[in-house]
Amino acid sequence: MAYVNTDATYYSPNATSVDVTASCTPYNPANHAKAMVMLIHKTSGSAIVADTVVQTNTKATLTDSLGILPSDPRGTYYVLIVWYNFDNDPVLTAQSKDIF
């Protein structure tokens, strides 16, 4: 089972990033090429920030820091991670708890 943790559950209006740690199980290095890490605005469903983490085939755990701006919409967010294989097909997804 995959999981996603964030460094906090509340971010002030002056916050500059959301730090993410994630792990995927079952882990198969031959089947995990990259991961898309997205900060999703829960109300609109829009991705506020999206990063691609490459070479996820070397370890089951990944870390990423998603930059956020004071001008980004406020509200409830969550982090969504989608792992992809070498054919660019999604193989696993995980979602964090809500972030306020």
N, C-alpha and C. Protein backbone atom coordinates (compact mmCIF):
# COMPACT_ATOMS: atom_id res chain seq x y z
N MET A 1 0.84 -1.17 0.00
CA MET A 1 0.00 0.00 0.00
C MET A 1 0.89 1.24 0.00
N ALA A 2 0.57 2.17 -0.83
CA ALA A 2 1.34 3.41 -0.92
C ALA A 2 0.83 4.42 0.10
N TYR A 3 1.73 5.28 0.55
CA TYR A 3 1.30 6.34 1.46
C TYR A 3 2.02 7.63 1.14
N VAL A 4 1.43 8.74 1.60
CA VAL A 4 2.00 10.07 1.42
C VAL A 4 1.92 10.79 2.75
N ASN A 5 3.03 11.38 3.19
CA ASN A 5 3.06 12.22 4.38
C ASN A 5 3.51 13.61 3.98
N THR A 6 2.98 14.61 4.66
CA THR A 6 3.42 16.00 4.45
C THR A 6 4.00 16.51 5.76
N ASP A 7 4.78 17.59 5.68
CA ASP A 7 5.46 18.09 6.87
C ASP A 7 4.55 18.83 7.84
N ALA A 8 3.34 19.16 7.46
CA ALA A 8 2.38 19.84 8.34
C ALA A 8 0.98 19.64 7.78
N THR A 9 -0.01 19.95 8.61
CA THR A 9 -1.39 19.87 8.14
C THR A 9 -2.01 21.26 8.02
N TYR A 10 -1.28 22.29 8.45
CA TYR A 10 -1.75 23.66 8.29
C TYR A 10 -0.61 24.51 7.76
N TYR A 11 -0.89 25.34 6.78
CA TYR A 11 0.11 26.23 6.21
C TYR A 11 -0.35 27.66 6.33
N SER A 12 0.53 28.50 6.83
CA SER A 12 0.20 29.92 6.98
C SER A 12 0.14 30.58 5.60
N PRO A 13 -0.44 31.77 5.51
CA PRO A 13 -0.48 32.47 4.22
C PRO A 13 0.91 32.78 3.66
N ASN A 14 1.93 32.77 4.51
CA ASN A 14 3.29 33.05 4.06
C ASN A 14 4.12 31.80 3.79
N ALA A 15 3.49 30.64 3.83
CA ALA A 15 4.21 29.39 3.59
C ALA A 15 4.79 29.39 2.18
N THR A 16 5.96 28.79 2.03
CA THR A 16 6.62 28.77 0.72
C THR A 16 6.74 27.38 0.12
N SER A 17 6.46 26.34 0.91
CA SER A 17 6.57 24.99 0.35
C SER A 17 5.77 23.99 1.17
N VAL A 18 5.50 22.87 0.54
CA VAL A 18 4.92 21.70 1.19
C VAL A 18 5.92 20.57 0.97
N ASP A 19 6.49 20.06 2.05
CA ASP A 19 7.46 18.97 1.94
C ASP A 19 6.75 17.63 2.01
N VAL A 20 7.05 16.76 1.06
CA VAL A 20 6.33 15.51 0.87
C VAL A 20 7.30 14.33 0.99
N THR A 21 6.86 13.30 1.68
CA THR A 21 7.55 12.02 1.70
C THR A 21 6.53 10.97 1.32
N ALA A 22 6.91 10.07 0.44
CA ALA A 22 5.98 9.03 -0.01
C ALA A 22 6.71 7.71 -0.19
N SER A 23 5.96 6.65 -0.07
CA SER A 23 6.51 5.32 -0.28
C SER A 23 5.47 4.47 -0.98
N CYS A 24 5.95 3.56 -1.80
CA CYS A 24 5.02 2.69 -2.51
C CYS A 24 5.36 1.23 -2.24
N THR A 25 4.31 0.47 -1.97
CA THR A 25 4.43 -0.97 -1.76
C THR A 25 3.22 -1.60 -2.42
N PRO A 26 3.31 -2.58 -3.22
CA PRO A 26 4.53 -3.31 -3.54
C PRO A 26 5.43 -2.48 -4.44
N TYR A 27 6.71 -2.64 -4.26
CA TYR A 27 7.69 -1.88 -5.02
C TYR A 27 8.43 -2.81 -5.96
N ASN A 28 8.42 -2.45 -7.23
CA ASN A 28 9.10 -3.23 -8.24
C ASN A 28 9.96 -2.27 -9.07
N PRO A 29 11.29 -2.27 -8.86
CA PRO A 29 12.14 -1.31 -9.57
C PRO A 29 12.02 -1.39 -11.09
N ALA A 30 11.66 -2.54 -11.59
CA ALA A 30 11.52 -2.68 -13.04
C ALA A 30 10.23 -2.03 -13.54
N ASN A 31 9.35 -1.63 -12.62
CA ASN A 31 8.05 -1.12 -13.01
C ASN A 31 7.77 0.29 -12.50
N HIS A 32 8.76 0.95 -11.91
CA HIS A 32 8.58 2.30 -11.39
C HIS A 32 9.63 3.23 -11.99
N ALA A 33 9.25 4.00 -12.98
CA ALA A 33 10.19 4.88 -13.67
C ALA A 33 10.19 6.29 -13.10
N LYS A 34 9.01 6.79 -12.77
CA LYS A 34 8.89 8.18 -12.28
C LYS A 34 7.60 8.32 -11.50
N ALA A 35 7.47 9.47 -10.85
CA ALA A 35 6.24 9.78 -10.12
C ALA A 35 5.88 11.23 -10.37
N MET A 36 4.60 11.49 -10.47
CA MET A 36 4.08 12.86 -10.56
C MET A 36 3.55 13.21 -9.18
N VAL A 37 4.07 14.30 -8.61
CA VAL A 37 3.68 14.76 -7.28
C VAL A 37 2.90 16.05 -7.47
N MET A 38 1.64 16.07 -7.03
CA MET A 38 0.77 17.22 -7.28
C MET A 38 0.13 17.72 -5.99
N LEU A 39 0.06 19.04 -5.86
CA LEU A 39 -0.69 19.67 -4.78
C LEU A 39 -2.03 20.06 -5.38
N ILE A 40 -3.10 19.44 -4.89
CA ILE A 40 -4.44 19.62 -5.46
C ILE A 40 -5.27 20.50 -4.54
N HIS A 41 -5.92 21.52 -5.13
CA HIS A 41 -6.88 22.36 -4.40
C HIS A 41 -8.17 21.57 -4.33
N LYS A 42 -8.58 21.21 -3.12
CA LYS A 42 -9.68 20.25 -2.97
C LYS A 42 -11.00 20.76 -3.54
N THR A 43 -11.32 22.03 -3.35
CA THR A 43 -12.60 22.55 -3.81
C THR A 43 -12.71 22.54 -5.33
N SER A 44 -11.66 23.00 -6.00
CA SER A 44 -11.72 23.11 -7.46
C SER A 44 -11.23 21.85 -8.17
N GLY A 45 -10.42 21.03 -7.48
CA GLY A 45 -9.82 19.86 -8.11
C GLY A 45 -8.64 20.19 -8.99
N SER A 46 -8.22 21.44 -8.98
CA SER A 46 -7.11 21.88 -9.83
C SER A 46 -5.77 21.59 -9.17
N ALA A 47 -4.79 21.25 -9.98
CA ALA A 47 -3.43 21.08 -9.50
C ALA A 47 -2.80 22.47 -9.38
N ILE A 48 -2.38 22.83 -8.17
CA ILE A 48 -1.73 24.12 -7.93
C ILE A 48 -0.26 24.03 -8.30
N VAL A 49 0.36 22.91 -7.96
CA VAL A 49 1.77 22.65 -8.27
C VAL A 49 1.88 21.20 -8.72
N ALA A 50 2.72 20.94 -9.71
CA ALA A 50 2.98 19.57 -10.15
C ALA A 50 4.47 19.42 -10.43
N ASP A 51 5.07 18.39 -9.84
CA ASP A 51 6.47 18.07 -10.05
C ASP A 51 6.57 16.64 -10.55
N THR A 52 7.57 16.39 -11.37
CA THR A 52 7.88 15.03 -11.78
C THR A 52 9.16 14.61 -11.08
N VAL A 53 9.10 13.50 -10.37
CA VAL A 53 10.27 12.93 -9.72
C VAL A 53 10.71 11.75 -10.55
N VAL A 54 11.93 11.81 -11.08
CA VAL A 54 12.42 10.75 -11.96
C VAL A 54 13.28 9.77 -11.17
N GLN A 55 13.58 8.67 -11.81
CA GLN A 55 14.41 7.61 -11.26
C GLN A 55 13.85 7.04 -9.97
N THR A 56 12.54 6.86 -9.92
CA THR A 56 11.94 6.22 -8.75
C THR A 56 12.19 4.72 -8.76
N ASN A 57 12.85 4.22 -9.80
CA ASN A 57 13.18 2.80 -9.85
C ASN A 57 14.37 2.45 -8.98
N THR A 58 15.00 3.43 -8.34
CA THR A 58 16.16 3.15 -7.50
C THR A 58 15.81 3.01 -6.03
N LYS A 59 14.62 3.45 -5.61
CA LYS A 59 14.22 3.32 -4.21
C LYS A 59 12.71 3.43 -4.07
N ALA A 60 12.18 2.83 -3.02
CA ALA A 60 10.73 2.80 -2.81
C ALA A 60 10.20 4.09 -2.21
N THR A 61 11.07 4.88 -1.57
CA THR A 61 10.64 6.11 -0.91
C THR A 61 11.13 7.31 -1.70
N LEU A 62 10.28 8.33 -1.81
CA LEU A 62 10.70 9.56 -2.48
C LEU A 62 10.38 10.75 -1.60
N THR A 63 11.13 11.82 -1.80
CA THR A 63 10.86 13.09 -1.12
C THR A 63 10.82 14.18 -2.17
N ASP A 64 10.02 15.18 -1.91
CA ASP A 64 9.89 16.30 -2.84
C ASP A 64 9.40 17.51 -2.04
N SER A 65 9.77 18.68 -2.51
CA SER A 65 9.30 19.92 -1.91
C SER A 65 8.52 20.67 -2.97
N LEU A 66 7.24 20.87 -2.72
CA LEU A 66 6.37 21.57 -3.66
C LEU A 66 6.34 23.05 -3.27
N GLY A 67 6.83 23.90 -4.13
CA GLY A 67 6.81 25.33 -3.85
C GLY A 67 5.42 25.91 -3.99
N ILE A 68 5.04 26.75 -3.02
CA ILE A 68 3.76 27.43 -3.10
C ILE A 68 3.98 28.93 -2.92
N LEU A 69 3.09 29.70 -3.47
CA LEU A 69 3.19 31.15 -3.43
C LEU A 69 2.09 31.75 -2.58
N PRO A 70 2.32 32.92 -1.97
CA PRO A 70 1.25 33.58 -1.23
C PRO A 70 0.03 33.88 -2.10
N SER A 71 0.24 34.00 -3.41
CA SER A 71 -0.86 34.30 -4.32
C SER A 71 -1.67 33.07 -4.71
N ASP A 72 -1.19 31.86 -4.36
CA ASP A 72 -1.95 30.64 -4.67
C ASP A 72 -3.27 30.65 -3.89
N PRO A 73 -4.33 30.08 -4.46
CA PRO A 73 -5.61 30.08 -3.76
C PRO A 73 -5.50 29.36 -2.42
N ARG A 74 -6.16 29.90 -1.42
CA ARG A 74 -6.17 29.28 -0.09
C ARG A 74 -7.37 28.37 0.04
N GLY A 75 -7.30 27.50 0.99
CA GLY A 75 -8.37 26.55 1.22
C GLY A 75 -7.78 25.21 1.61
N THR A 76 -8.49 24.15 1.30
CA THR A 76 -8.05 22.81 1.65
C THR A 76 -7.35 22.19 0.45
N TYR A 77 -6.18 21.59 0.70
CA TYR A 77 -5.39 20.91 -0.32
C TYR A 77 -5.19 19.46 0.07
N TYR A 78 -4.69 18.69 -0.87
CA TYR A 78 -4.11 17.38 -0.57
C TYR A 78 -3.03 17.12 -1.60
N VAL A 79 -2.12 16.23 -1.27
CA VAL A 79 -1.05 15.85 -2.20
C VAL A 79 -1.45 14.53 -2.84
N LEU A 80 -1.35 14.49 -4.15
CA LEU A 80 -1.64 13.27 -4.92
C LEU A 80 -0.35 12.86 -5.63
N ILE A 81 0.00 11.59 -5.51
CA ILE A 81 1.17 11.07 -6.21
C ILE A 81 0.73 9.92 -7.09
N VAL A 82 1.19 9.96 -8.33
CA VAL A 82 0.93 8.89 -9.29
C VAL A 82 2.28 8.36 -9.75
N TRP A 83 2.53 7.08 -9.53
CA TRP A 83 3.75 6.44 -10.01
C TRP A 83 3.48 5.87 -11.40
N TYR A 84 4.47 5.99 -12.29
CA TYR A 84 4.35 5.53 -13.68
C TYR A 84 5.44 4.49 -13.98
N ASN A 85 5.11 3.57 -14.89
CA ASN A 85 6.12 2.61 -15.34
C ASN A 85 6.89 3.21 -16.52
N PHE A 86 7.77 2.41 -17.10
CA PHE A 86 8.62 2.90 -18.18
C PHE A 86 7.85 3.11 -19.48
N ASP A 87 6.63 2.59 -19.58
CA ASP A 87 5.77 2.84 -20.74
C ASP A 87 4.86 4.05 -20.51
N ASN A 88 5.08 4.76 -19.39
CA ASN A 88 4.31 5.95 -19.01
C ASN A 88 2.86 5.62 -18.64
N ASP A 89 2.64 4.39 -18.20
CA ASP A 89 1.31 3.98 -17.71
C ASP A 89 1.29 4.14 -16.19
N PRO A 90 0.20 4.68 -15.62
CA PRO A 90 0.12 4.76 -14.17
C PRO A 90 0.02 3.38 -13.55
N VAL A 91 0.80 3.14 -12.49
CA VAL A 91 0.78 1.83 -11.83
C VAL A 91 0.31 1.90 -10.39
N LEU A 92 0.35 3.08 -9.77
CA LEU A 92 -0.03 3.20 -8.37
C LEU A 92 -0.31 4.66 -8.04
N THR A 93 -1.28 4.91 -7.18
CA THR A 93 -1.57 6.27 -6.73
C THR A 93 -1.68 6.28 -5.21
N ALA A 94 -1.41 7.44 -4.64
CA ALA A 94 -1.58 7.64 -3.20
C ALA A 94 -1.94 9.09 -2.96
N GLN A 95 -2.68 9.32 -1.89
CA GLN A 95 -3.16 10.67 -1.56
C GLN A 95 -2.90 10.95 -0.08
N SER A 96 -2.49 12.18 0.22
CA SER A 96 -2.26 12.57 1.60
C SER A 96 -3.58 12.90 2.30
N LYS A 97 -3.49 13.12 3.60
CA LYS A 97 -4.61 13.68 4.34
C LYS A 97 -4.76 15.14 3.93
N ASP A 98 -5.85 15.75 4.30
CA ASP A 98 -6.09 17.15 3.94
C ASP A 98 -5.08 18.08 4.61
N ILE A 99 -4.75 19.13 3.89
CA ILE A 99 -3.87 20.19 4.35
C ILE A 99 -4.68 21.48 4.34
N PHE A 100 -4.61 22.24 5.40
CA PHE A 100 -5.39 23.48 5.51
C PHE A 100 -4.50 24.69 5.47
